[in-house]
Amino acid sequence: MTVEERFEKLAELLVDFASAIEAECIRIKQRAKELVEHELGLKEEIFEILNWEEKEGEKLGKFEIASKDKNKDNLNAWNHAYNILKVNNANIKEHFGSKDWKYYYWLFDGYPDVIFRKKRNST
């Protein structure tokens, strides 16, 4: 076997190895998402106990916010809910919540002291 043939064989093996690792990473990501969807023991009550204000926007339609200021009497609960969303990188496109929950939840970069939510059956 020539040097070129050995090099091609090695390159082929490395590509196959990288493809296998990539496929496994995708599988792990899917399993992690399934675990979140099974709530990891979390219940929506963590979020429901917060004080929510109704809002309406041109793009979002009706939604609600729980601001830190309006939850001063229940700050521990607000911080707990906020940290759950922060750890899970919940944003408007990748929101947080089980499919069984009434709402989905997220954070928005420009509003560091606000939790957002919207009803699942709303458009």
N, C-alpha and C. Protein backbone atom coordinates (compact mmCIF):
# COMPACT_ATOMS: atom_id res chain seq x y z
N MET A 1 0.85 -1.18 0.00
CA MET A 1 0.00 0.00 0.00
C MET A 1 0.90 1.24 0.00
N THR A 2 0.60 2.16 -0.89
CA THR A 2 1.41 3.37 -1.00
C THR A 2 1.08 4.33 0.14
N VAL A 3 1.90 5.34 0.30
CA VAL A 3 1.69 6.36 1.32
C VAL A 3 0.37 7.08 1.07
N GLU A 4 0.10 7.38 -0.21
CA GLU A 4 -1.14 8.06 -0.55
C GLU A 4 -2.36 7.22 -0.17
N GLU A 5 -2.30 5.93 -0.44
CA GLU A 5 -3.41 5.02 -0.12
C GLU A 5 -3.62 4.93 1.39
N ARG A 6 -2.52 4.86 2.13
CA ARG A 6 -2.62 4.82 3.59
C ARG A 6 -3.23 6.12 4.13
N PHE A 7 -2.79 7.24 3.55
CA PHE A 7 -3.33 8.53 3.96
C PHE A 7 -4.83 8.62 3.67
N GLU A 8 -5.25 8.17 2.48
CA GLU A 8 -6.67 8.17 2.13
C GLU A 8 -7.47 7.29 3.09
N LYS A 9 -6.93 6.12 3.42
CA LYS A 9 -7.60 5.20 4.34
C LYS A 9 -7.74 5.83 5.73
N LEU A 10 -6.68 6.48 6.20
CA LEU A 10 -6.71 7.16 7.49
C LEU A 10 -7.73 8.30 7.49
N ALA A 11 -7.73 9.08 6.42
CA ALA A 11 -8.69 10.19 6.30
C ALA A 11 -10.12 9.65 6.30
N GLU A 12 -10.35 8.56 5.60
CA GLU A 12 -11.68 7.93 5.55
C GLU A 12 -12.10 7.45 6.94
N LEU A 13 -11.19 6.86 7.67
CA LEU A 13 -11.49 6.40 9.04
C LEU A 13 -11.81 7.58 9.96
N LEU A 14 -11.06 8.66 9.83
CA LEU A 14 -11.31 9.85 10.66
C LEU A 14 -12.67 10.47 10.35
N VAL A 15 -13.04 10.52 9.09
CA VAL A 15 -14.35 11.05 8.70
C VAL A 15 -15.46 10.17 9.26
N ASP A 16 -15.31 8.86 9.15
CA ASP A 16 -16.32 7.94 9.70
C ASP A 16 -16.43 8.09 11.22
N PHE A 17 -15.29 8.25 11.88
CA PHE A 17 -15.28 8.43 13.33
C PHE A 17 -15.99 9.72 13.72
N ALA A 18 -15.69 10.81 13.01
CA ALA A 18 -16.32 12.10 13.29
C ALA A 18 -17.83 12.03 13.04
N SER A 19 -18.23 11.34 11.99
CA SER A 19 -19.66 11.19 11.69
C SER A 19 -20.37 10.40 12.79
N ALA A 20 -19.72 9.39 13.31
CA ALA A 20 -20.30 8.60 14.40
C ALA A 20 -20.45 9.45 15.66
N ILE A 21 -19.46 10.26 15.96
CA ILE A 21 -19.53 11.14 17.13
C ILE A 21 -20.65 12.16 16.94
N GLU A 22 -20.76 12.72 15.76
CA GLU A 22 -21.82 13.70 15.48
C GLU A 22 -23.20 13.07 15.66
N ALA A 23 -23.39 11.86 15.14
CA ALA A 23 -24.68 11.17 15.28
C ALA A 23 -25.00 10.91 16.75
N GLU A 24 -24.01 10.54 17.53
CA GLU A 24 -24.23 10.29 18.95
C GLU A 24 -24.57 11.58 19.69
N CYS A 25 -23.93 12.68 19.33
CA CYS A 25 -24.25 13.97 19.96
C CYS A 25 -25.69 14.37 19.67
N ILE A 26 -26.13 14.15 18.45
CA ILE A 26 -27.53 14.45 18.09
C ILE A 26 -28.47 13.58 18.90
N ARG A 27 -28.15 12.31 19.06
CA ARG A 27 -28.98 11.40 19.85
C ARG A 27 -29.05 11.84 21.31
N ILE A 28 -27.92 12.25 21.87
CA ILE A 28 -27.87 12.71 23.26
C ILE A 28 -28.70 13.98 23.42
N LYS A 29 -28.60 14.90 22.47
CA LYS A 29 -29.39 16.13 22.52
C LYS A 29 -30.88 15.82 22.49
N GLN A 30 -31.30 14.89 21.66
CA GLN A 30 -32.71 14.50 21.58
C GLN A 30 -33.18 13.88 22.90
N ARG A 31 -32.36 13.05 23.50
CA ARG A 31 -32.73 12.41 24.78
C ARG A 31 -32.83 13.47 25.88
N ALA A 32 -31.92 14.44 25.88
CA ALA A 32 -31.98 15.50 26.88
C ALA A 32 -33.26 16.31 26.73
N LYS A 33 -33.66 16.59 25.50
CA LYS A 33 -34.90 17.33 25.26
C LYS A 33 -36.10 16.52 25.76
N GLU A 34 -36.08 15.20 25.53
CA GLU A 34 -37.17 14.34 26.03
C GLU A 34 -37.27 14.40 27.55
N LEU A 35 -36.12 14.43 28.21
CA LEU A 35 -36.13 14.52 29.67
C LEU A 35 -36.78 15.82 30.13
N VAL A 36 -36.47 16.92 29.46
CA VAL A 36 -37.08 18.20 29.81
C VAL A 36 -38.58 18.13 29.58
N GLU A 37 -39.00 17.51 28.48
CA GLU A 37 -40.42 17.39 28.18
C GLU A 37 -41.15 16.55 29.22
N HIS A 38 -40.44 15.68 29.88
CA HIS A 38 -41.05 14.91 30.97
C HIS A 38 -40.94 15.67 32.29
N GLU A 39 -40.58 16.93 32.18
CA GLU A 39 -40.60 17.92 33.25
C GLU A 39 -39.51 17.77 34.31
N LEU A 40 -38.75 16.70 34.27
CA LEU A 40 -37.70 16.51 35.27
C LEU A 40 -38.23 16.76 36.69
N GLY A 41 -39.47 16.40 36.91
CA GLY A 41 -40.07 16.58 38.22
C GLY A 41 -40.65 17.97 38.43
N LEU A 42 -40.54 18.85 37.44
CA LEU A 42 -41.06 20.20 37.58
C LEU A 42 -42.55 20.23 37.25
N LYS A 43 -43.26 21.03 37.97
CA LYS A 43 -44.69 21.24 37.73
C LYS A 43 -44.90 22.69 37.35
N GLU A 44 -45.93 22.95 36.61
CA GLU A 44 -46.21 24.31 36.16
C GLU A 44 -46.54 25.24 37.32
N GLU A 45 -46.91 24.68 38.47
CA GLU A 45 -47.22 25.51 39.64
C GLU A 45 -46.07 26.44 40.01
N ILE A 46 -44.85 26.03 39.71
CA ILE A 46 -43.67 26.87 39.99
C ILE A 46 -43.85 28.24 39.34
N PHE A 47 -44.46 28.24 38.16
CA PHE A 47 -44.68 29.49 37.42
C PHE A 47 -46.05 30.09 37.72
N GLU A 48 -47.03 29.24 37.94
CA GLU A 48 -48.40 29.73 38.13
C GLU A 48 -48.58 30.58 39.38
N ILE A 49 -47.75 30.37 40.40
CA ILE A 49 -47.91 31.12 41.65
C ILE A 49 -47.41 32.56 41.55
N LEU A 50 -46.76 32.90 40.45
CA LEU A 50 -46.26 34.26 40.27
C LEU A 50 -47.40 35.21 39.94
N ASN A 51 -47.17 36.50 40.17
CA ASN A 51 -48.14 37.53 39.81
C ASN A 51 -47.92 37.90 38.34
N TRP A 52 -48.92 37.67 37.51
CA TRP A 52 -48.83 37.88 36.06
C TRP A 52 -49.66 39.08 35.64
N GLU A 53 -49.15 39.81 34.66
CA GLU A 53 -49.86 40.95 34.07
C GLU A 53 -50.11 40.65 32.59
N GLU A 54 -51.33 40.90 32.14
CA GLU A 54 -51.64 40.68 30.73
C GLU A 54 -51.06 41.82 29.88
N LYS A 55 -50.56 41.44 28.73
CA LYS A 55 -50.01 42.38 27.76
C LYS A 55 -50.49 41.96 26.37
N GLU A 56 -50.33 42.86 25.43
CA GLU A 56 -50.65 42.52 24.04
C GLU A 56 -49.66 43.22 23.13
N GLY A 57 -49.16 42.47 22.18
CA GLY A 57 -48.20 43.02 21.24
C GLY A 57 -48.62 42.76 19.81
N GLU A 58 -48.06 43.51 18.90
CA GLU A 58 -48.41 43.38 17.49
C GLU A 58 -48.05 42.01 16.94
N LYS A 59 -46.86 41.51 17.28
CA LYS A 59 -46.41 40.22 16.76
C LYS A 59 -46.88 39.04 17.61
N LEU A 60 -46.81 39.18 18.93
CA LEU A 60 -47.14 38.08 19.83
C LEU A 60 -48.63 37.93 20.13
N GLY A 61 -49.37 38.99 19.94
CA GLY A 61 -50.75 38.96 20.37
C GLY A 61 -50.80 39.03 21.89
N LYS A 62 -51.71 38.30 22.52
CA LYS A 62 -51.83 38.33 23.97
C LYS A 62 -50.78 37.44 24.61
N PHE A 63 -50.13 37.98 25.63
CA PHE A 63 -49.15 37.25 26.42
C PHE A 63 -49.16 37.85 27.81
N GLU A 64 -48.37 37.27 28.71
CA GLU A 64 -48.31 37.76 30.08
C GLU A 64 -46.87 37.88 30.53
N ILE A 65 -46.66 38.78 31.50
CA ILE A 65 -45.32 38.93 32.07
C ILE A 65 -45.41 38.86 33.59
N ALA A 66 -44.36 38.35 34.18
CA ALA A 66 -44.19 38.36 35.64
C ALA A 66 -42.90 39.13 35.90
N SER A 67 -43.03 40.37 36.31
CA SER A 67 -41.84 41.18 36.57
C SER A 67 -41.36 40.95 38.00
N LYS A 68 -40.10 41.14 38.19
CA LYS A 68 -39.50 41.00 39.52
C LYS A 68 -40.13 42.00 40.49
N ASP A 69 -40.37 43.22 40.02
CA ASP A 69 -40.97 44.26 40.87
C ASP A 69 -42.35 43.87 41.39
N LYS A 70 -43.16 43.23 40.54
CA LYS A 70 -44.53 42.87 40.92
C LYS A 70 -44.58 41.56 41.72
N ASN A 71 -43.42 40.95 41.95
CA ASN A 71 -43.36 39.70 42.70
C ASN A 71 -42.44 39.81 43.91
N LYS A 72 -42.31 41.03 44.45
CA LYS A 72 -41.42 41.25 45.60
C LYS A 72 -41.85 40.45 46.82
N ASP A 73 -43.16 40.24 46.98
CA ASP A 73 -43.64 39.48 48.14
C ASP A 73 -43.43 37.97 47.95
N ASN A 74 -43.03 37.55 46.77
CA ASN A 74 -42.78 36.14 46.48
C ASN A 74 -41.48 36.03 45.67
N LEU A 75 -40.47 36.77 46.12
CA LEU A 75 -39.22 36.88 45.37
C LEU A 75 -38.49 35.54 45.22
N ASN A 76 -38.54 34.69 46.24
CA ASN A 76 -37.88 33.39 46.12
C ASN A 76 -38.48 32.56 45.00
N ALA A 77 -39.81 32.58 44.89
CA ALA A 77 -40.49 31.82 43.83
C ALA A 77 -40.13 32.41 42.47
N TRP A 78 -40.11 33.76 42.37
CA TRP A 78 -39.77 34.40 41.11
C TRP A 78 -38.35 34.05 40.70
N ASN A 79 -37.40 34.12 41.64
CA ASN A 79 -36.00 33.78 41.34
C ASN A 79 -35.86 32.33 40.91
N HIS A 80 -36.60 31.44 41.57
CA HIS A 80 -36.54 30.02 41.23
C HIS A 80 -37.03 29.81 39.78
N ALA A 81 -38.17 30.40 39.44
CA ALA A 81 -38.71 30.27 38.09
C ALA A 81 -37.75 30.88 37.06
N TYR A 82 -37.22 32.06 37.38
CA TYR A 82 -36.28 32.75 36.48
C TYR A 82 -35.05 31.88 36.23
N ASN A 83 -34.49 31.31 37.29
CA ASN A 83 -33.28 30.49 37.16
C ASN A 83 -33.53 29.23 36.34
N ILE A 84 -34.71 28.64 36.47
CA ILE A 84 -35.06 27.47 35.64
C ILE A 84 -35.00 27.85 34.17
N LEU A 85 -35.59 29.00 33.84
CA LEU A 85 -35.58 29.45 32.44
C LEU A 85 -34.18 29.81 31.97
N LYS A 86 -33.40 30.44 32.84
CA LYS A 86 -32.03 30.85 32.50
C LYS A 86 -31.16 29.62 32.22
N VAL A 87 -31.22 28.64 33.10
CA VAL A 87 -30.41 27.42 32.94
C VAL A 87 -30.77 26.67 31.67
N ASN A 88 -32.05 26.71 31.30
CA ASN A 88 -32.51 26.00 30.11
C ASN A 88 -32.46 26.86 28.84
N ASN A 89 -31.84 28.04 28.95
CA ASN A 89 -31.69 28.94 27.81
C ASN A 89 -33.02 29.19 27.09
N ALA A 90 -34.08 29.38 27.88
CA ALA A 90 -35.41 29.59 27.32
C ALA A 90 -35.50 30.98 26.70
N ASN A 91 -35.85 31.02 25.43
CA ASN A 91 -36.08 32.29 24.75
C ASN A 91 -37.34 32.16 23.90
N ILE A 92 -37.68 33.18 23.17
CA ILE A 92 -38.94 33.18 22.41
C ILE A 92 -39.00 32.04 21.40
N LYS A 93 -37.87 31.67 20.83
CA LYS A 93 -37.86 30.58 19.84
C LYS A 93 -37.69 29.21 20.48
N GLU A 94 -36.97 29.15 21.57
CA GLU A 94 -36.73 27.89 22.29
C GLU A 94 -37.32 28.04 23.69
N HIS A 95 -38.64 28.11 23.75
CA HIS A 95 -39.29 28.34 25.04
C HIS A 95 -39.26 27.08 25.91
N PHE A 96 -39.70 27.24 27.15
CA PHE A 96 -39.63 26.17 28.14
C PHE A 96 -41.02 25.79 28.61
N GLY A 97 -41.22 24.52 28.82
CA GLY A 97 -42.46 24.02 29.39
C GLY A 97 -42.84 22.69 28.78
N SER A 98 -43.45 21.86 29.59
CA SER A 98 -43.93 20.57 29.12
C SER A 98 -45.09 20.79 28.15
N LYS A 99 -45.27 19.88 27.23
CA LYS A 99 -46.39 19.98 26.30
C LYS A 99 -47.74 19.88 27.01
N ASP A 100 -47.72 19.36 28.22
CA ASP A 100 -48.95 19.25 29.02
C ASP A 100 -49.30 20.54 29.75
N TRP A 101 -48.39 21.48 29.80
CA TRP A 101 -48.62 22.74 30.51
C TRP A 101 -49.54 23.65 29.70
N LYS A 102 -50.24 24.53 30.39
CA LYS A 102 -51.15 25.48 29.74
C LYS A 102 -50.39 26.58 29.01
N TYR A 103 -49.20 26.91 29.51
CA TYR A 103 -48.41 28.01 28.96
C TYR A 103 -47.02 27.52 28.59
N TYR A 104 -46.35 28.30 27.74
CA TYR A 104 -44.92 28.14 27.57
C TYR A 104 -44.26 29.42 28.05
N TYR A 105 -43.00 29.31 28.52
CA TYR A 105 -42.31 30.38 29.24
C TYR A 105 -40.97 30.68 28.59
N TRP A 106 -40.54 31.94 28.71
CA TRP A 106 -39.23 32.31 28.17
C TRP A 106 -38.74 33.61 28.79
N LEU A 107 -37.47 33.88 28.53
CA LEU A 107 -36.83 35.14 28.93
C LEU A 107 -36.48 35.89 27.65
N PHE A 108 -36.35 37.21 27.77
CA PHE A 108 -36.00 38.05 26.63
C PHE A 108 -34.83 38.92 27.04
N ASP A 109 -33.76 38.90 26.23
CA ASP A 109 -32.51 39.57 26.57
C ASP A 109 -32.66 41.02 27.03
N GLY A 110 -33.50 41.78 26.39
CA GLY A 110 -33.62 43.19 26.72
C GLY A 110 -34.37 43.47 28.02
N TYR A 111 -34.93 42.43 28.63
CA TYR A 111 -35.73 42.58 29.85
C TYR A 111 -35.24 41.59 30.91
N PRO A 112 -34.18 41.93 31.63
CA PRO A 112 -33.55 40.97 32.55
C PRO A 112 -34.38 40.64 33.79
N ASP A 113 -35.37 41.44 34.12
CA ASP A 113 -36.16 41.20 35.33
C ASP A 113 -37.60 40.85 35.01
N VAL A 114 -37.81 40.18 33.87
CA VAL A 114 -39.16 39.85 33.43
C VAL A 114 -39.19 38.41 32.90
N ILE A 115 -40.23 37.67 33.29
CA ILE A 115 -40.50 36.34 32.76
C ILE A 115 -41.73 36.50 31.85
N PHE A 116 -41.67 35.90 30.68
CA PHE A 116 -42.77 35.96 29.72
C PHE A 116 -43.47 34.62 29.64
N ARG A 117 -44.78 34.66 29.32
CA ARG A 117 -45.49 33.42 29.05
C ARG A 117 -46.62 33.69 28.06
N LYS A 118 -47.02 32.62 27.37
CA LYS A 118 -48.12 32.70 26.41
C LYS A 118 -48.86 31.38 26.45
N LYS A 119 -50.18 31.46 26.31
CA LYS A 119 -51.00 30.23 26.28
C LYS A 119 -50.62 29.40 25.06
N ARG A 120 -50.58 28.10 25.26
CA ARG A 120 -50.22 27.18 24.17
C ARG A 120 -51.25 27.20 23.04
N ASN A 121 -52.51 27.33 23.34
CA ASN A 121 -53.51 27.26 22.29
C ASN A 121 -53.78 28.60 21.63
N SER A 122 -53.03 29.64 22.02
CA SER A 122 -53.18 30.96 21.41
C SER A 122 -52.38 31.05 20.13
N THR A 123 -52.79 31.95 19.27
CA THR A 123 -52.04 32.18 18.04
C THR A 123 -51.41 33.55 18.07
